[in-house]
Amino acid sequence: MPLLPILHVFLTALLLLEAPIRHSINEQMPAVENTYHVKALSGNITLDADWDKSVWSDVEAVVLTHYMGQKPAFSPVTHAKLMYDENHIYGIFRVQDKFIQSKVVEINGNVSGDSCVEFFFSPDTENPLKYFNLEINAGGVPLLHYVKQPRKNYEVIAPESIKKIEIAHSMPREVFPEITDETVWTIEFKVPLDMLRQYGPVTSPAPGVRWKANFYKTGSQTSNPNYFTWNFVDNPRPDFHLPQFFGNLIFD
């Protein structure tokens, strides 16, 4: 065989080997964006981080099956649910985890370094690439930004506004040293839409309205760094701030 065809075959094989690897627990990639149907809240709800209470029992859960970066030694299993009414978004996470820590106690601190769950959502149907990132560590300490352009143009929401978000957590506020045994922890939250509207447009939830969003689980500074997502993020390095890979929320 002539040298040039051999060289072409070799270079093609090399490029395929160096192509970014898409990661998921089951190693199967979704063909389309994930879609989650958000039910309307019927009646009242008491925030207590109880995953098993009746108000959530008939609500569909998402599961975070995709990981970014290197697969961790232990893969936490994370589920999340949402509901809404005309004034609020409600959410709850349940994490079957190990190597759990919560060291950050300041609002808008580096909570993603701790064992942490995150809800990134674009509530403006006219601008789906602008989003809020709500991050809450296992101790219930939040961070909230409004992002117009990832890493470049964003507003850190004032702690006084963030305190209007009700958060319930099953773990103590501070957890250190790490809990290395397998443990289930939960976070439940209630976000007032009027607070969000102080920082950016919010399309009011109503039947048929579609937002963009993703759910995440991380623990970047624990002894078991992990980066899990609900909707697949096609990026070779861990980065949650990629709204082009958000899935769909459809309000029922």
Protein backbone atom coordinates (compact mmCIF):
# COMPACT_ATOMS: atom_id res chain seq x y z
CA MET A 1 0.00 0.00 0.00
CA PRO A 2 1.40 3.49 -0.78
CA LEU A 3 2.64 5.54 2.17
CA LEU A 4 0.06 8.37 1.96
CA PRO A 5 -3.06 6.16 2.37
CA ILE A 6 -1.40 4.38 5.31
CA LEU A 7 -0.61 7.74 6.92
CA HIS A 8 -4.22 8.91 6.38
CA VAL A 9 -5.62 5.81 8.12
CA PHE A 10 -3.22 6.25 11.02
CA LEU A 11 -4.10 9.93 11.55
CA THR A 12 -7.84 9.21 11.37
CA ALA A 13 -7.55 6.52 14.04
CA LEU A 14 -5.50 8.86 16.24
CA LEU A 15 -8.15 11.61 16.00
CA LEU A 16 -10.87 9.15 16.99
CA LEU A 17 -8.89 8.06 20.03
CA GLU A 18 -8.42 11.69 21.15
CA ALA A 19 -12.07 12.70 20.66
CA PRO A 20 -13.88 13.79 23.86
CA ILE A 21 -15.57 10.91 25.66
CA ARG A 22 -19.23 11.37 26.62
CA HIS A 23 -19.90 10.00 30.06
CA SER A 24 -22.98 8.55 31.66
CA ILE A 25 -23.55 5.89 34.29
CA ASN A 26 -25.05 3.58 31.67
CA GLU A 27 -22.67 4.82 28.96
CA GLN A 28 -25.64 5.51 26.64
CA MET A 29 -26.18 8.98 25.29
CA PRO A 30 -29.62 10.60 25.06
CA ALA A 31 -30.79 11.26 21.51
CA VAL A 32 -32.81 14.33 22.56
CA GLU A 33 -32.97 16.82 25.40
CA ASN A 34 -34.52 15.58 28.62
CA THR A 35 -37.95 16.98 29.46
CA TYR A 36 -39.46 17.23 32.93
CA HIS A 37 -43.14 17.99 33.52
CA VAL A 38 -43.64 20.24 36.56
CA LYS A 39 -46.87 19.67 38.45
CA ALA A 40 -48.86 22.43 40.08
CA LEU A 41 -48.92 22.31 43.88
CA SER A 42 -52.28 21.29 45.25
CA GLY A 43 -52.88 22.47 48.81
CA ASN A 44 -50.19 23.52 51.24
CA ILE A 45 -46.63 22.38 51.81
CA THR A 46 -44.42 22.48 54.90
CA LEU A 47 -40.71 22.57 54.17
CA ASP A 48 -38.98 19.93 56.31
CA ALA A 49 -36.73 18.07 53.83
CA ASP A 50 -38.96 14.97 54.04
CA TRP A 51 -38.72 13.27 50.66
CA ASP A 52 -41.44 10.77 51.60
CA LYS A 53 -44.19 13.16 52.61
CA SER A 54 -47.48 12.87 50.79
CA VAL A 55 -47.32 16.17 48.89
CA TRP A 56 -44.36 14.84 46.86
CA SER A 57 -45.54 11.24 46.55
CA ASP A 58 -47.22 11.58 43.14
CA VAL A 59 -44.56 13.88 41.67
CA GLU A 60 -42.18 12.49 39.06
CA ALA A 61 -38.48 12.46 39.99
CA VAL A 62 -35.52 13.05 37.71
CA VAL A 63 -32.31 11.10 38.25
CA LEU A 64 -28.84 12.48 37.58
CA THR A 65 -27.20 9.77 35.47
CA HIS A 66 -24.45 11.62 33.59
CA TYR A 67 -21.04 12.49 34.99
CA MET A 68 -18.47 15.01 33.82
CA GLY A 69 -14.72 14.57 33.94
CA GLN A 70 -13.24 11.45 35.48
CA LYS A 71 -15.71 8.97 36.94
CA PRO A 72 -15.45 9.15 40.74
CA ALA A 73 -14.56 6.15 42.90
CA PHE A 74 -18.05 6.37 44.40
CA SER A 75 -21.00 7.57 42.30
CA PRO A 76 -23.74 9.23 44.36
CA VAL A 77 -27.33 8.61 43.28
CA THR A 78 -29.28 11.87 43.11
CA HIS A 79 -33.00 12.38 42.49
CA ALA A 80 -34.89 15.68 42.28
CA LYS A 81 -38.50 16.85 42.01
CA LEU A 82 -40.18 20.20 41.27
CA MET A 83 -43.61 21.76 41.76
CA TYR A 84 -44.98 25.27 41.29
CA ASP A 85 -47.73 27.69 42.10
CA GLU A 86 -48.32 31.18 40.74
CA ASN A 87 -45.81 32.71 43.15
CA HIS A 88 -43.15 30.06 43.80
CA ILE A 89 -41.01 27.21 42.51
CA TYR A 90 -40.62 24.30 44.94
CA GLY A 91 -37.92 21.67 44.77
CA ILE A 92 -36.53 18.72 46.67
CA PHE A 93 -33.33 16.68 46.22
CA ARG A 94 -32.44 13.29 47.68
CA VAL A 95 -28.82 12.13 47.53
CA GLN A 96 -27.49 8.67 48.37
CA ASP A 97 -23.94 9.75 49.06
CA LYS A 98 -20.60 9.06 50.71
CA PHE A 99 -17.71 11.38 51.67
CA ILE A 100 -20.17 14.10 52.71
CA GLN A 101 -18.99 17.45 53.98
CA SER A 102 -20.45 20.92 54.59
CA LYS A 103 -17.78 23.40 55.62
CA VAL A 104 -19.10 26.59 54.00
CA VAL A 105 -21.58 28.51 56.19
CA GLU A 106 -21.60 31.90 54.41
CA ILE A 107 -24.31 32.69 51.86
CA ASN A 108 -22.71 32.92 48.39
CA GLY A 109 -19.63 31.10 49.66
CA ASN A 110 -18.01 28.28 47.68
CA VAL A 111 -20.77 25.78 48.45
CA SER A 112 -20.01 23.72 45.35
CA GLY A 113 -16.76 22.62 46.98
CA ASP A 114 -18.91 20.87 49.60
CA SER A 115 -21.39 18.08 48.98
CA CYS A 116 -23.84 20.16 46.99
CA VAL A 117 -26.96 20.04 44.81
CA GLU A 118 -27.67 22.66 42.18
CA PHE A 119 -30.63 23.86 40.13
CA PHE A 120 -29.76 26.04 37.12
CA PHE A 121 -32.82 27.43 35.38
CA SER A 122 -33.72 29.91 32.63
CA PRO A 123 -37.13 31.35 33.55
CA ASP A 124 -37.28 33.85 30.67
CA THR A 125 -38.65 32.10 27.60
CA GLU A 126 -37.34 34.93 25.40
CA ASN A 127 -33.75 34.55 26.65
CA PRO A 128 -33.05 30.85 27.37
CA LEU A 129 -29.29 31.38 27.72
CA LYS A 130 -29.71 33.73 30.70
CA TYR A 131 -30.21 31.82 33.93
CA PHE A 132 -30.14 31.66 37.71
CA ASN A 133 -27.83 29.17 39.38
CA LEU A 134 -29.11 28.09 42.76
CA GLU A 135 -26.53 25.99 44.62
CA ILE A 136 -27.16 24.54 48.09
CA ASN A 137 -24.71 22.49 50.12
CA ALA A 138 -25.77 19.58 52.33
CA GLY A 139 -25.99 21.94 55.30
CA GLY A 140 -28.57 24.13 53.57
CA VAL A 141 -26.29 27.08 52.75
CA PRO A 142 -27.14 28.66 49.37
CA LEU A 143 -25.47 30.57 46.57
CA LEU A 144 -27.48 32.38 43.90
CA HIS A 145 -26.32 34.30 40.83
CA TYR A 146 -28.12 35.69 37.81
CA VAL A 147 -26.00 34.96 34.77
CA LYS A 148 -26.27 36.87 31.49
CA GLN A 149 -23.03 35.44 30.08
CA PRO A 150 -21.23 32.59 31.86
CA ARG A 151 -18.01 33.61 33.65
CA LYS A 152 -18.16 37.11 32.17
CA ASN A 153 -21.42 38.91 32.99
CA TYR A 154 -23.34 37.87 36.08
CA GLU A 155 -24.85 39.39 39.21
CA VAL A 156 -24.28 37.98 42.68
CA ILE A 157 -27.69 38.09 44.34
CA ALA A 158 -27.67 39.98 47.63
CA PRO A 159 -27.83 37.79 50.75
CA GLU A 160 -30.88 39.75 51.93
CA SER A 161 -32.73 38.58 48.81
CA ILE A 162 -31.43 35.03 49.01
CA LYS A 163 -32.74 34.74 52.57
CA LYS A 164 -36.25 34.95 51.09
CA ILE A 165 -35.67 31.44 49.72
CA GLU A 166 -36.89 28.91 52.27
CA ILE A 167 -34.53 25.94 52.61
CA ALA A 168 -34.88 22.80 54.72
CA HIS A 169 -32.02 20.31 55.10
CA SER A 170 -31.65 16.91 56.73
CA MET A 171 -27.96 17.23 57.60
CA PRO A 172 -26.44 19.52 60.26
CA ARG A 173 -25.37 22.94 59.01
CA GLU A 174 -21.72 21.97 59.36
CA VAL A 175 -20.37 18.52 58.57
CA PHE A 176 -16.62 18.02 59.02
CA PRO A 177 -14.73 15.75 59.05
CA GLU A 178 -16.42 13.94 56.21
CA ILE A 179 -19.05 11.28 56.70
CA THR A 180 -17.47 8.37 54.83
CA ASP A 181 -20.32 5.88 55.33
CA GLU A 182 -23.12 5.78 52.77
CA THR A 183 -25.77 8.25 53.93
CA VAL A 184 -28.94 9.72 52.43
CA TRP A 185 -29.38 13.49 52.70
CA THR A 186 -32.10 15.79 51.41
CA ILE A 187 -32.59 19.45 50.53
CA GLU A 188 -35.99 21.10 50.04
CA PHE A 189 -36.50 24.68 48.84
CA LYS A 190 -39.13 27.29 47.99
CA VAL A 191 -38.11 30.15 45.67
CA PRO A 192 -40.32 33.27 45.44
CA LEU A 193 -40.68 34.40 41.83
CA ASP A 194 -41.04 38.07 42.77
CA MET A 195 -37.57 37.98 44.28
CA LEU A 196 -36.16 36.62 41.02
CA ARG A 197 -37.91 39.36 39.04
CA GLN A 198 -35.81 41.96 40.83
CA TYR A 199 -32.84 40.66 38.84
CA GLY A 200 -34.22 39.40 35.52
CA PRO A 201 -37.38 38.63 33.55
CA VAL A 202 -39.41 35.62 34.67
CA THR A 203 -42.08 34.04 32.49
CA SER A 204 -44.81 33.08 34.94
CA PRO A 205 -45.33 29.32 35.27
CA ALA A 206 -48.62 28.19 33.73
CA PRO A 207 -49.81 25.13 31.81
CA GLY A 208 -47.78 24.80 28.63
CA VAL A 209 -45.03 27.28 29.59
CA ARG A 210 -41.52 25.95 28.93
CA TRP A 211 -38.37 26.90 30.83
CA LYS A 212 -34.85 25.55 30.29
CA ALA A 213 -32.97 23.99 33.21
CA ASN A 214 -30.52 21.43 34.49
CA PHE A 215 -30.02 19.66 37.82
CA TYR A 216 -26.55 18.97 39.20
CA LYS A 217 -24.76 17.21 42.06
CA THR A 218 -21.17 18.03 42.94
CA GLY A 219 -18.55 17.89 45.66
CA SER A 220 -15.45 19.33 44.03
CA GLN A 221 -13.40 19.70 47.20
CA THR A 222 -14.42 16.52 48.97
CA SER A 223 -12.18 13.46 48.98
CA ASN A 224 -14.44 12.03 46.24
CA PRO A 225 -14.75 14.84 43.65
CA ASN A 226 -17.86 14.33 41.53
CA TYR A 227 -19.84 16.21 38.89
CA PHE A 228 -23.23 14.74 37.92
CA THR A 229 -25.91 16.14 35.62
CA TRP A 230 -29.51 15.40 34.64
CA ASN A 231 -29.34 16.61 31.06
CA PHE A 232 -26.15 15.58 29.28
CA VAL A 233 -23.47 18.28 28.99
CA ASP A 234 -21.19 17.71 26.02
CA ASN A 235 -17.96 19.12 27.43
CA PRO A 236 -14.74 17.22 28.19
CA ARG A 237 -14.10 19.14 31.42
CA PRO A 238 -16.55 19.63 34.32
CA ASP A 239 -18.47 22.86 33.76
CA PHE A 240 -22.09 23.37 34.76
CA HIS A 241 -22.28 26.88 33.27
CA LEU A 242 -23.20 25.77 29.76
CA PRO A 243 -26.88 26.73 29.30
CA GLN A 244 -26.89 25.47 25.71
CA PHE A 245 -27.09 21.99 27.26
CA PHE A 246 -30.05 22.66 29.55
CA GLY A 247 -33.06 20.36 29.32
CA ASN A 248 -36.73 21.35 29.25
CA LEU A 249 -39.17 22.11 32.05
CA ILE A 250 -42.80 22.07 30.93
CA PHE A 251 -45.41 23.26 33.40
CA ASP A 252 -48.56 21.16 33.58
